[in-house]
N, C-alpha and C. Protein backbone atom coordinates (compact mmCIF):
# COMPACT_ATOMS: atom_id res chain seq x y z
N MET A 1 34.28 -20.30 -38.47
CA MET A 1 34.70 -18.92 -38.64
C MET A 1 36.02 -18.71 -37.94
N SER A 2 37.01 -18.32 -38.70
CA SER A 2 38.36 -18.20 -38.16
C SER A 2 38.68 -16.80 -37.64
N LYS A 3 37.96 -15.80 -38.09
CA LYS A 3 38.26 -14.41 -37.68
C LYS A 3 37.56 -14.09 -36.39
N LYS A 4 38.33 -13.63 -35.40
CA LYS A 4 37.79 -13.30 -34.08
C LYS A 4 37.08 -11.95 -34.13
N SER A 5 35.97 -11.85 -33.45
CA SER A 5 35.21 -10.60 -33.40
C SER A 5 35.99 -9.57 -32.62
N GLY A 6 35.96 -8.32 -33.07
CA GLY A 6 36.64 -7.21 -32.38
C GLY A 6 35.71 -6.55 -31.36
N THR A 7 34.49 -7.05 -31.23
CA THR A 7 33.54 -6.44 -30.32
C THR A 7 33.81 -6.84 -28.88
N ASP A 8 33.76 -5.88 -27.99
CA ASP A 8 33.97 -6.13 -26.56
C ASP A 8 32.60 -6.51 -26.00
N TRP A 9 32.19 -7.79 -26.07
CA TRP A 9 30.88 -8.22 -25.70
C TRP A 9 30.60 -8.03 -24.23
N LYS A 10 31.61 -8.19 -23.39
CA LYS A 10 31.40 -8.01 -21.92
C LYS A 10 31.05 -6.58 -21.58
N ARG A 11 31.78 -5.64 -22.20
CA ARG A 11 31.50 -4.20 -21.99
C ARG A 11 30.11 -3.87 -22.53
N LEU A 12 29.77 -4.43 -23.69
CA LEU A 12 28.50 -4.13 -24.29
C LEU A 12 27.36 -4.69 -23.42
N ALA A 13 27.54 -5.82 -22.81
CA ALA A 13 26.50 -6.40 -21.95
C ALA A 13 26.29 -5.58 -20.70
N ARG A 14 27.32 -4.86 -20.21
CA ARG A 14 27.20 -4.01 -19.06
C ARG A 14 26.54 -2.66 -19.36
N MET A 15 26.47 -2.27 -20.64
CA MET A 15 25.91 -0.97 -20.96
C MET A 15 24.41 -0.90 -20.74
N THR A 16 23.95 0.30 -20.36
CA THR A 16 22.54 0.55 -20.26
C THR A 16 22.15 1.47 -21.42
N ASP A 17 20.85 1.69 -21.59
CA ASP A 17 20.41 2.53 -22.69
C ASP A 17 20.95 3.96 -22.53
N SER A 18 21.13 4.43 -21.30
CA SER A 18 21.65 5.77 -21.10
C SER A 18 23.10 5.90 -21.46
N ASP A 19 23.81 4.80 -21.60
CA ASP A 19 25.22 4.82 -22.01
C ASP A 19 25.41 4.99 -23.51
N ILE A 20 24.36 4.84 -24.26
CA ILE A 20 24.46 4.85 -25.71
C ILE A 20 24.44 6.31 -26.20
N ASP A 21 25.40 6.66 -27.07
CA ASP A 21 25.52 8.00 -27.65
C ASP A 21 24.66 8.09 -28.90
N TYR A 22 23.55 8.82 -28.78
CA TYR A 22 22.65 9.03 -29.88
C TYR A 22 22.83 10.41 -30.55
N SER A 23 23.93 11.09 -30.29
CA SER A 23 24.15 12.45 -30.74
C SER A 23 24.13 12.60 -32.29
N ASP A 24 24.46 11.54 -32.99
CA ASP A 24 24.50 11.63 -34.45
C ASP A 24 23.21 11.10 -35.08
N VAL A 25 22.21 10.79 -34.25
CA VAL A 25 20.93 10.28 -34.75
C VAL A 25 19.82 11.25 -34.40
N PRO A 26 19.14 11.80 -35.43
CA PRO A 26 18.09 12.78 -35.08
C PRO A 26 16.88 12.10 -34.42
N LYS A 27 16.25 12.86 -33.51
CA LYS A 27 15.05 12.37 -32.88
C LYS A 27 13.92 12.31 -33.90
N LEU A 28 13.13 11.25 -33.86
CA LEU A 28 12.04 11.13 -34.81
C LEU A 28 10.73 11.48 -34.05
N ASP A 29 10.09 12.53 -34.52
CA ASP A 29 8.87 13.00 -33.80
C ASP A 29 7.63 12.48 -34.57
N ASP A 30 6.45 12.86 -34.09
CA ASP A 30 5.18 12.39 -34.67
C ASP A 30 5.08 12.77 -36.13
N ALA A 31 5.58 13.98 -36.50
CA ALA A 31 5.53 14.43 -37.88
C ALA A 31 6.24 13.49 -38.83
N PHE A 32 7.35 12.92 -38.36
CA PHE A 32 8.09 11.96 -39.21
C PHE A 32 7.24 10.71 -39.45
N PHE A 33 6.62 10.20 -38.39
CA PHE A 33 5.86 8.95 -38.53
C PHE A 33 4.54 9.16 -39.27
N GLU A 34 4.00 10.40 -39.28
CA GLU A 34 2.81 10.67 -40.03
C GLU A 34 3.09 10.54 -41.51
N GLN A 35 4.29 10.88 -41.96
CA GLN A 35 4.63 10.85 -43.37
C GLN A 35 5.42 9.59 -43.81
N ALA A 36 5.82 8.81 -42.83
CA ALA A 36 6.63 7.61 -43.13
C ALA A 36 5.81 6.58 -43.91
N GLU A 37 6.45 5.88 -44.81
CA GLU A 37 5.83 4.84 -45.62
C GLU A 37 6.64 3.54 -45.45
N LEU A 38 5.92 2.45 -45.33
CA LEU A 38 6.55 1.14 -45.21
C LEU A 38 6.59 0.52 -46.59
N HIS A 39 7.81 0.16 -47.01
CA HIS A 39 7.99 -0.49 -48.29
C HIS A 39 8.50 -1.92 -48.06
N VAL A 40 7.69 -2.90 -48.31
CA VAL A 40 8.07 -4.30 -48.17
C VAL A 40 8.35 -4.89 -49.51
N PRO A 41 9.59 -5.33 -49.74
CA PRO A 41 9.94 -5.87 -51.07
C PRO A 41 9.20 -7.18 -51.34
N LEU A 42 8.88 -7.42 -52.60
CA LEU A 42 8.24 -8.66 -52.97
C LEU A 42 9.19 -9.83 -52.83
N LYS A 43 8.72 -10.95 -52.45
CA LYS A 43 9.52 -12.16 -52.31
C LYS A 43 9.43 -12.96 -53.61
N GLN A 44 10.55 -13.54 -54.00
CA GLN A 44 10.65 -14.34 -55.21
C GLN A 44 10.91 -15.78 -54.80
N PRO A 45 10.01 -16.69 -55.17
CA PRO A 45 10.28 -18.12 -54.84
C PRO A 45 11.38 -18.64 -55.79
N ILE A 46 12.25 -19.42 -55.25
CA ILE A 46 13.31 -20.01 -56.09
C ILE A 46 13.39 -21.49 -55.78
N THR A 47 13.97 -22.24 -56.71
CA THR A 47 14.22 -23.67 -56.56
C THR A 47 15.70 -23.89 -56.71
N MET A 48 16.26 -24.74 -55.85
CA MET A 48 17.69 -25.02 -55.87
C MET A 48 17.88 -26.51 -55.72
N ARG A 49 18.67 -27.08 -56.60
CA ARG A 49 18.93 -28.52 -56.49
C ARG A 49 20.31 -28.70 -55.83
N LEU A 50 20.33 -29.47 -54.77
CA LEU A 50 21.56 -29.73 -54.02
C LEU A 50 21.84 -31.25 -53.97
N ASP A 51 23.08 -31.60 -53.93
CA ASP A 51 23.42 -33.02 -53.76
C ASP A 51 23.04 -33.43 -52.35
N ALA A 52 22.68 -34.69 -52.18
CA ALA A 52 22.22 -35.22 -50.93
C ALA A 52 23.28 -35.03 -49.81
N ASP A 53 24.58 -35.15 -50.17
CA ASP A 53 25.60 -35.01 -49.13
C ASP A 53 25.64 -33.56 -48.62
N VAL A 54 25.26 -32.60 -49.42
CA VAL A 54 25.23 -31.21 -48.97
C VAL A 54 24.15 -30.97 -47.96
N THR A 55 22.99 -31.55 -48.17
CA THR A 55 21.87 -31.37 -47.25
C THR A 55 22.01 -32.18 -45.94
N GLU A 56 22.85 -33.18 -45.97
CA GLU A 56 23.09 -33.95 -44.74
C GLU A 56 24.05 -33.20 -43.93
């Protein structure tokens, strides 16, 4: 990967949960979770043929 990440990983590692700004994320209360539904997509099996040099 030639593109350098723009993330300041050292600053991020120093952050605590209280440093995170959640002002644009609504709080989810019990009423939300009472009506929430879990949708798990079906998995599709596939077959792929690769040259031996690719798998090595």
